[in-house]
Every structure is written in C-alpha cells, then in structure tokens.
Amino acid sequence: MAKNNLGQDIETLSNYEHFARFINVVEQLREECISDMHEASIDQLQQIAGRILSYDQLLQMVDWKNLQKRHKDFL
C-alpha cells in the first residue's frame, strides 16, 4: 500500500472549486473569531486566539492566496 503524502493530497484537492469554497468558510470563521475578540473577556481571548492560530495554519497549509486566485470565479 502506497504511503499518502499530505502535500500531494492538498495539491489534488486544490484542483477542485468545492475545496476552495470549503477553505473560504475556514477563512470566514477566522474573521468571525477576530471580530469576537473585540467583545471577549480576558479569559475568552486566549481560547479565541488559539482558534485563530489553528485557522491560520490551515490557510497557510493549503496556500490560500493561490487557491483564491485559482478559483476566483467560484468564490
């Protein structure tokens, strides 16, 4: 059985506008978290910041900027 390579998997998924739309939702969730920070308590800030970092990691992993360019007609 061949070992899957995450980079190859992401590259394959990047060919599909459905994947781009999904990642677009991830970016929207990130932006919502940033907005939530304005009204958050000190205790909530750390949790929200952690979610933002997770979303950022996903967006970087899939090269969101290039994915947006590739599928701009579908977003």
PDB file of N, CA and C in Angstrom:
ATOM      1  N   MET A   1       0.842  -1.185   0.000  1.00  0.00           N
ATOM      2  CA  MET A   1       0.000   0.000   0.000  1.00  0.00           C
ATOM      3  C   MET A   1       0.884   1.244   0.000  1.00  0.00           C
ATOM      4  N   ALA A   2       0.610   2.180  -0.884  1.00  0.00           N
ATOM      5  CA  ALA A   2       1.415   3.388  -1.000  1.00  0.00           C
ATOM      6  C   ALA A   2       1.131   4.333   0.159  1.00  0.00           C
ATOM      7  N   LYS A   3       2.162   4.985   0.619  1.00  0.00           N
ATOM      8  CA  LYS A   3       2.035   5.951   1.700  1.00  0.00           C
ATOM      9  C   LYS A   3       1.559   7.284   1.117  1.00  0.00           C
ATOM     10  N   ASN A   4       0.508   7.861   1.700  1.00  0.00           N
ATOM     11  CA  ASN A   4      -0.021   9.130   1.209  1.00  0.00           C
ATOM     12  C   ASN A   4       0.866  10.285   1.651  1.00  0.00           C
ATOM     13  N   ASN A   5       1.005  11.241   0.794  1.00  0.00           N
ATOM     14  CA  ASN A   5       1.770  12.442   1.079  1.00  0.00           C
ATOM     15  C   ASN A   5       0.772  13.580   1.216  1.00  0.00           C
ATOM     16  N   LEU A   6       0.778  14.238   2.372  1.00  0.00           N
ATOM     17  CA  LEU A   6      -0.186  15.305   2.638  1.00  0.00           C
ATOM     18  C   LEU A   6      -0.088  16.416   1.598  1.00  0.00           C
ATOM     19  N   GLY A   7       1.113  16.782   1.208  1.00  0.00           N
ATOM     20  CA  GLY A   7       1.291  17.827   0.199  1.00  0.00           C
ATOM     21  C   GLY A   7       0.641  17.467  -1.122  1.00  0.00           C
ATOM     22  N   GLN A   8       0.797  16.221  -1.522  1.00  0.00           N
ATOM     23  CA  GLN A   8       0.164  15.762  -2.767  1.00  0.00           C
ATOM     24  C   GLN A   8      -1.355  15.749  -2.637  1.00  0.00           C
ATOM     25  N   ASP A   9      -1.837  15.345  -1.478  1.00  0.00           N
ATOM     26  CA  ASP A   9      -3.281  15.340  -1.244  1.00  0.00           C
ATOM     27  C   ASP A   9      -3.860  16.748  -1.333  1.00  0.00           C
ATOM     28  N   ILE A  10      -3.176  17.700  -0.722  1.00  0.00           N
ATOM     29  CA  ILE A  10      -3.645  19.084  -0.761  1.00  0.00           C
ATOM     30  C   ILE A  10      -3.596  19.622  -2.185  1.00  0.00           C
ATOM     31  N   GLU A  11      -2.539  19.292  -2.915  1.00  0.00           N
ATOM     32  CA  GLU A  11      -2.434  19.736  -4.312  1.00  0.00           C
ATOM     33  C   GLU A  11      -3.576  19.170  -5.151  1.00  0.00           C
ATOM     34  N   THR A  12      -3.910  17.914  -4.917  1.00  0.00           N
ATOM     35  CA  THR A  12      -5.024  17.299  -5.644  1.00  0.00           C
ATOM     36  C   THR A  12      -6.339  17.991  -5.289  1.00  0.00           C
ATOM     37  N   LEU A  13      -6.571  18.196  -4.007  1.00  0.00           N
ATOM     38  CA  LEU A  13      -7.804  18.865  -3.572  1.00  0.00           C
ATOM     39  C   LEU A  13      -7.889  20.290  -4.112  1.00  0.00           C
ATOM     40  N   SER A  14      -6.751  20.937  -4.247  1.00  0.00           N
ATOM     41  CA  SER A  14      -6.713  22.328  -4.721  1.00  0.00           C
ATOM     42  C   SER A  14      -7.230  22.486  -6.138  1.00  0.00           C
ATOM     43  N   ASN A  15      -7.350  21.393  -6.851  1.00  0.00           N
ATOM     44  CA  ASN A  15      -7.878  21.439  -8.215  1.00  0.00           C
ATOM     45  C   ASN A  15      -9.397  21.574  -8.249  1.00  0.00           C
ATOM     46  N   TYR A  16     -10.035  21.441  -7.124  1.00  0.00           N
ATOM     47  CA  TYR A  16     -11.499  21.427  -7.071  1.00  0.00           C
ATOM     48  C   TYR A  16     -12.046  22.690  -6.416  1.00  0.00           C
ATOM     49  N   GLU A  17     -13.003  23.326  -7.095  1.00  0.00           N
ATOM     50  CA  GLU A  17     -13.604  24.538  -6.537  1.00  0.00           C
ATOM     51  C   GLU A  17     -14.369  24.249  -5.254  1.00  0.00           C
ATOM     52  N   HIS A  18     -14.835  23.009  -5.070  1.00  0.00           N
ATOM     53  CA  HIS A  18     -15.530  22.636  -3.840  1.00  0.00           C
ATOM     54  C   HIS A  18     -14.594  22.787  -2.639  1.00  0.00           C
ATOM     55  N   PHE A  19     -13.357  22.383  -2.825  1.00  0.00           N
ATOM     56  CA  PHE A  19     -12.361  22.520  -1.765  1.00  0.00           C
ATOM     57  C   PHE A  19     -12.087  23.995  -1.496  1.00  0.00           C
ATOM     58  N   ALA A  20     -11.985  24.791  -2.545  1.00  0.00           N
ATOM     59  CA  ALA A  20     -11.752  26.230  -2.378  1.00  0.00           C
ATOM     60  C   ALA A  20     -12.901  26.873  -1.603  1.00  0.00           C
ATOM     61  N   ARG A  21     -14.126  26.457  -1.886  1.00  0.00           N
ATOM     62  CA  ARG A  21     -15.270  27.005  -1.154  1.00  0.00           C
ATOM     63  C   ARG A  21     -15.230  26.597   0.321  1.00  0.00           C
ATOM     64  N   PHE A  22     -14.815  25.371   0.580  1.00  0.00           N
ATOM     65  CA  PHE A  22     -14.665  24.914   1.964  1.00  0.00           C
ATOM     66  C   PHE A  22     -13.614  25.755   2.701  1.00  0.00           C
ATOM     67  N   ILE A  23     -12.476  25.965   2.077  1.00  0.00           N
ATOM     68  CA  ILE A  23     -11.413  26.754   2.702  1.00  0.00           C
ATOM     69  C   ILE A  23     -11.848  28.208   2.864  1.00  0.00           C
ATOM     70  N   ASN A  24     -12.679  28.693   1.968  1.00  0.00           N
ATOM     71  CA  ASN A  24     -13.235  30.030   2.105  1.00  0.00           C
ATOM     72  C   ASN A  24     -14.051  30.134   3.395  1.00  0.00           C
ATOM     73  N   VAL A  25     -14.773  29.088   3.738  1.00  0.00           N
ATOM     74  CA  VAL A  25     -15.523  29.058   5.000  1.00  0.00           C
ATOM     75  C   VAL A  25     -14.562  29.105   6.185  1.00  0.00           C
ATOM     76  N   VAL A  26     -13.446  28.405   6.086  1.00  0.00           N
ATOM     77  CA  VAL A  26     -12.437  28.449   7.145  1.00  0.00           C
ATOM     78  C   VAL A  26     -11.957  29.888   7.340  1.00  0.00           C
ATOM     79  N   GLU A  27     -11.720  30.600   6.240  1.00  0.00           N
ATOM     80  CA  GLU A  27     -11.293  31.995   6.360  1.00  0.00           C
ATOM     81  C   GLU A  27     -12.388  32.853   6.999  1.00  0.00           C
ATOM     82  N   GLN A  28     -13.633  32.614   6.648  1.00  0.00           N
ATOM     83  CA  GLN A  28     -14.740  33.365   7.251  1.00  0.00           C
ATOM     84  C   GLN A  28     -14.834  33.098   8.752  1.00  0.00           C
ATOM     85  N   LEU A  29     -14.618  31.859   9.156  1.00  0.00           N
ATOM     86  CA  LEU A  29     -14.622  31.528  10.579  1.00  0.00           C
ATOM     87  C   LEU A  29     -13.497  32.248  11.312  1.00  0.00           C
ATOM     88  N   ARG A  30     -12.345  32.341  10.669  1.00  0.00           N
ATOM     89  CA  ARG A  30     -11.213  33.076  11.243  1.00  0.00           C
ATOM     90  C   ARG A  30     -11.581  34.534  11.453  1.00  0.00           C
ATOM     91  N   GLU A  31     -12.203  35.130  10.440  1.00  0.00           N
ATOM     92  CA  GLU A  31     -12.599  36.543  10.543  1.00  0.00           C
ATOM     93  C   GLU A  31     -13.649  36.757  11.636  1.00  0.00           C
ATOM     94  N   GLU A  32     -14.561  35.800  11.797  1.00  0.00           N
ATOM     95  CA  GLU A  32     -15.552  35.884  12.873  1.00  0.00           C
ATOM     96  C   GLU A  32     -14.873  35.865  14.237  1.00  0.00           C
ATOM     97  N   CYS A  33     -13.863  35.019  14.378  1.00  0.00           N
ATOM     98  CA  CYS A  33     -13.117  34.956  15.639  1.00  0.00           C
ATOM     99  C   CYS A  33     -12.444  36.291  15.937  1.00  0.00           C
ATOM    100  N   ILE A  34     -11.873  36.892  14.921  1.00  0.00           N
ATOM    101  CA  ILE A  34     -11.221  38.191  15.107  1.00  0.00           C
ATOM    102  C   ILE A  34     -12.246  39.220  15.576  1.00  0.00           C
ATOM    103  N   SER A  35     -13.433  39.207  14.997  1.00  0.00           N
ATOM    104  CA  SER A  35     -14.497  40.121  15.421  1.00  0.00           C
ATOM    105  C   SER A  35     -14.921  39.834  16.853  1.00  0.00           C
ATOM    106  N   ASP A  36     -14.988  38.548  17.211  1.00  0.00           N
ATOM    107  CA  ASP A  36     -15.390  38.167  18.567  1.00  0.00           C
ATOM    108  C   ASP A  36     -14.405  38.655  19.621  1.00  0.00           C
ATOM    109  N   MET A  37     -13.167  38.864  19.243  1.00  0.00           N
ATOM    110  CA  MET A  37     -12.152  39.307  20.203  1.00  0.00           C
ATOM    111  C   MET A  37     -12.491  40.679  20.788  1.00  0.00           C
ATOM    112  N   HIS A  38     -13.178  41.510  20.028  1.00  0.00           N
ATOM    113  CA  HIS A  38     -13.493  42.858  20.493  1.00  0.00           C
ATOM    114  C   HIS A  38     -14.423  42.853  21.700  1.00  0.00           C
ATOM    115  N   GLU A  39     -15.251  41.819  21.818  1.00  0.00           N
ATOM    116  CA  GLU A  39     -16.216  41.755  22.910  1.00  0.00           C
ATOM    117  C   GLU A  39     -15.887  40.668  23.929  1.00  0.00           C
ATOM    118  N   ALA A  40     -14.759  40.006  23.772  1.00  0.00           N
ATOM    119  CA  ALA A  40     -14.413  38.866  24.616  1.00  0.00           C
ATOM    120  C   ALA A  40     -13.815  39.312  25.945  1.00  0.00           C
ATOM    121  N   SER A  41     -14.038  38.472  26.940  1.00  0.00           N
ATOM    122  CA  SER A  41     -13.402  38.692  28.236  1.00  0.00           C
ATOM    123  C   SER A  41     -11.939  38.252  28.139  1.00  0.00           C
ATOM    124  N   ILE A  42     -11.195  38.590  29.141  1.00  0.00           N
ATOM    125  CA  ILE A  42      -9.783  38.196  29.182  1.00  0.00           C
ATOM    126  C   ILE A  42      -9.661  36.671  29.097  1.00  0.00           C
ATOM    127  N   ASP A  43     -10.539  35.969  29.785  1.00  0.00           N
ATOM    128  CA  ASP A  43     -10.491  34.503  29.776  1.00  0.00           C
ATOM    129  C   ASP A  43     -10.785  33.934  28.392  1.00  0.00           C
ATOM    130  N   GLN A  44     -11.669  34.559  27.657  1.00  0.00           N
ATOM    131  CA  GLN A  44     -12.044  34.067  26.338  1.00  0.00           C
ATOM    132  C   GLN A  44     -10.993  34.389  25.277  1.00  0.00           C
ATOM    133  N   LEU A  45     -10.216  35.439  25.496  1.00  0.00           N
ATOM    134  CA  LEU A  45      -9.238  35.865  24.490  1.00  0.00           C
ATOM    135  C   LEU A  45      -8.244  34.769  24.121  1.00  0.00           C
ATOM    136  N   GLN A  46      -7.748  34.061  25.109  1.00  0.00           N
ATOM    137  CA  GLN A  46      -6.761  33.010  24.835  1.00  0.00           C
ATOM    138  C   GLN A  46      -7.379  31.901  23.994  1.00  0.00           C
ATOM    139  N   GLN A  47      -8.599  31.514  24.297  1.00  0.00           N
ATOM    140  CA  GLN A  47      -9.280  30.471  23.534  1.00  0.00           C
ATOM    141  C   GLN A  47      -9.520  30.920  22.093  1.00  0.00           C
ATOM    142  N   ILE A  48      -9.974  32.140  21.922  1.00  0.00           N
ATOM    143  CA  ILE A  48     -10.234  32.677  20.578  1.00  0.00           C
ATOM    144  C   ILE A  48      -8.932  32.781  19.791  1.00  0.00           C
ATOM    145  N   ALA A  49      -7.878  33.247  20.458  1.00  0.00           N
ATOM    146  CA  ALA A  49      -6.576  33.364  19.789  1.00  0.00           C
ATOM    147  C   ALA A  49      -6.086  31.996  19.318  1.00  0.00           C
ATOM    148  N   GLY A  50      -6.322  30.971  20.104  1.00  0.00           N
ATOM    149  CA  GLY A  50      -5.939  29.610  19.707  1.00  0.00           C
ATOM    150  C   GLY A  50      -6.698  29.148  18.472  1.00  0.00           C
ATOM    151  N   ARG A  51      -7.976  29.473  18.402  1.00  0.00           N
ATOM    152  CA  ARG A  51      -8.759  29.108  17.224  1.00  0.00           C
ATOM    153  C   ARG A  51      -8.242  29.852  15.996  1.00  0.00           C
ATOM    154  N   ILE A  52      -7.928  31.127  16.156  1.00  0.00           N
ATOM    155  CA  ILE A  52      -7.408  31.916  15.035  1.00  0.00           C
ATOM    156  C   ILE A  52      -6.096  31.301  14.525  1.00  0.00           C
ATOM    157  N   LEU A  53      -5.231  30.920  15.440  1.00  0.00           N
ATOM    158  CA  LEU A  53      -3.967  30.292  15.035  1.00  0.00           C
ATOM    159  C   LEU A  53      -4.202  28.992  14.274  1.00  0.00           C
ATOM    160  N   SER A  54      -5.178  28.207  14.708  1.00  0.00           N
ATOM    161  CA  SER A  54      -5.499  26.964  14.006  1.00  0.00           C
ATOM    162  C   SER A  54      -5.995  27.240  12.597  1.00  0.00           C
ATOM    163  N   TYR A  55      -6.882  28.217  12.476  1.00  0.00           N
ATOM    164  CA  TYR A  55      -7.378  28.588  11.142  1.00  0.00           C
ATOM    165  C   TYR A  55      -6.232  29.087  10.271  1.00  0.00           C
ATOM    166  N   ASP A  56      -5.342  29.900  10.851  1.00  0.00           N
ATOM    167  CA  ASP A  56      -4.188  30.411  10.101  1.00  0.00           C
ATOM    168  C   ASP A  56      -3.313  29.268   9.582  1.00  0.00           C
ATOM    169  N   GLN A  57      -3.087  28.270  10.418  1.00  0.00           N
ATOM    170  CA  GLN A  57      -2.267  27.135  10.000  1.00  0.00           C
ATOM    171  C   GLN A  57      -2.896  26.406   8.824  1.00  0.00           C
ATOM    172  N   LEU A  58      -4.211  26.206   8.878  1.00  0.00           N
ATOM    173  CA  LEU A  58      -4.895  25.555   7.757  1.00  0.00           C
ATOM    174  C   LEU A  58      -4.780  26.385   6.485  1.00  0.00           C
ATOM    175  N   LEU A  59      -4.994  27.693   6.604  1.00  0.00           N
ATOM    176  CA  LEU A  59      -4.940  28.574   5.432  1.00  0.00           C
ATOM    177  C   LEU A  59      -3.539  28.578   4.821  1.00  0.00           C
ATOM    178  N   GLN A  60      -2.519  28.559   5.663  1.00  0.00           N
ATOM    179  CA  GLN A  60      -1.145  28.515   5.156  1.00  0.00           C
ATOM    180  C   GLN A  60      -0.833  27.158   4.526  1.00  0.00           C
ATOM    181  N   MET A  61      -1.318  26.088   5.146  1.00  0.00           N
ATOM    182  CA  MET A  61      -1.046  24.736   4.658  1.00  0.00           C
ATOM    183  C   MET A  61      -1.573  24.533   3.241  1.00  0.00           C
ATOM    184  N   VAL A  62      -2.728  25.129   2.945  1.00  0.00           N
ATOM    185  CA  VAL A  62      -3.341  24.934   1.623  1.00  0.00           C
ATOM    186  C   VAL A  62      -2.980  26.051   0.652  1.00  0.00           C
ATOM    187  N   ASP A  63      -2.121  26.975   1.089  1.00  0.00           N
ATOM    188  CA  ASP A  63      -1.713  28.119   0.259  1.00  0.00           C
ATOM    189  C   ASP A  63      -2.958  28.879  -0.231  1.00  0.00           C
ATOM    190  N   TRP A  64      -3.699  29.393   0.726  1.00  0.00           N
ATOM    191  CA  TRP A  64      -4.993  30.020   0.475  1.00  0.00           C
ATOM    192  C   TRP A  64      -4.931  31.129  -0.565  1.00  0.00           C
ATOM    193  N   LYS A  65      -3.905  31.942  -0.544  1.00  0.00           N
ATOM    194  CA  LYS A  65      -3.820  33.053  -1.509  1.00  0.00           C
ATOM    195  C   LYS A  65      -3.822  32.534  -2.947  1.00  0.00           C
ATOM    196  N   ASN A  66      -3.031  31.510  -3.219  1.00  0.00           N
ATOM    197  CA  ASN A  66      -3.006  30.938  -4.569  1.00  0.00           C
ATOM    198  C   ASN A  66      -4.291  30.191  -4.894  1.00  0.00           C
ATOM    199  N   LEU A  67      -4.866  29.549  -3.892  1.00  0.00           N
ATOM    200  CA  LEU A  67      -6.130  28.849  -4.094  1.00  0.00           C
ATOM    201  C   LEU A  67      -7.234  29.847  -4.473  1.00  0.00           C
ATOM    202  N   GLN A  68      -7.219  31.013  -3.822  1.00  0.00           N
ATOM    203  CA  GLN A  68      -8.187  32.067  -4.164  1.00  0.00           C
ATOM    204  C   GLN A  68      -8.020  32.507  -5.612  1.00  0.00           C
ATOM    205  N   LYS A  69      -6.789  32.705  -6.024  1.00  0.00           N
ATOM    206  CA  LYS A  69      -6.536  33.121  -7.402  1.00  0.00           C
ATOM    207  C   LYS A  69      -6.987  32.063  -8.400  1.00  0.00           C
ATOM    208  N   ARG A  70      -6.701  30.819  -8.082  1.00  0.00           N
ATOM    209  CA  ARG A  70      -7.022  29.711  -8.978  1.00  0.00           C
ATOM    210  C   ARG A  70      -8.532  29.547  -9.169  1.00  0.00           C
ATOM    211  N   HIS A  71      -9.292  29.815  -8.114  1.00  0.00           N
ATOM    212  CA  HIS A  71     -10.745  29.573  -8.161  1.00  0.00           C
ATOM    213  C   HIS A  71     -11.555  30.852  -7.937  1.00  0.00           C
ATOM    214  N   LYS A  72     -10.997  31.986  -8.345  1.00  0.00           N
ATOM    215  CA  LYS A  72     -11.658  33.268  -8.085  1.00  0.00           C
ATOM    216  C   LYS A  72     -13.059  33.344  -8.681  1.00  0.00           C
ATOM    217  N   ASP A  73     -13.323  32.627  -9.747  1.00  0.00           N
ATOM    218  CA  ASP A  73     -14.657  32.673 -10.370  1.00  0.00           C
ATOM    219  C   ASP A  73     -15.707  31.903  -9.570  1.00  0.00           C
ATOM    220  N   PHE A  74     -15.268  31.096  -8.609  1.00  0.00           N
ATOM    221  CA  PHE A  74     -16.201  30.271  -7.845  1.00  0.00           C
ATOM    222  C   PHE A  74     -16.363  30.740  -6.402  1.00  0.00           C
ATOM    223  N   LEU A  75     -15.591  31.726  -6.000  1.00  0.00           N
ATOM    224  CA  LEU A  75     -15.649  32.195  -4.610  1.00  0.00           C
ATOM    225  C   LEU A  75     -16.446  33.480  -4.485  1.00  0.00           C
TER     226      LEU A  75
END
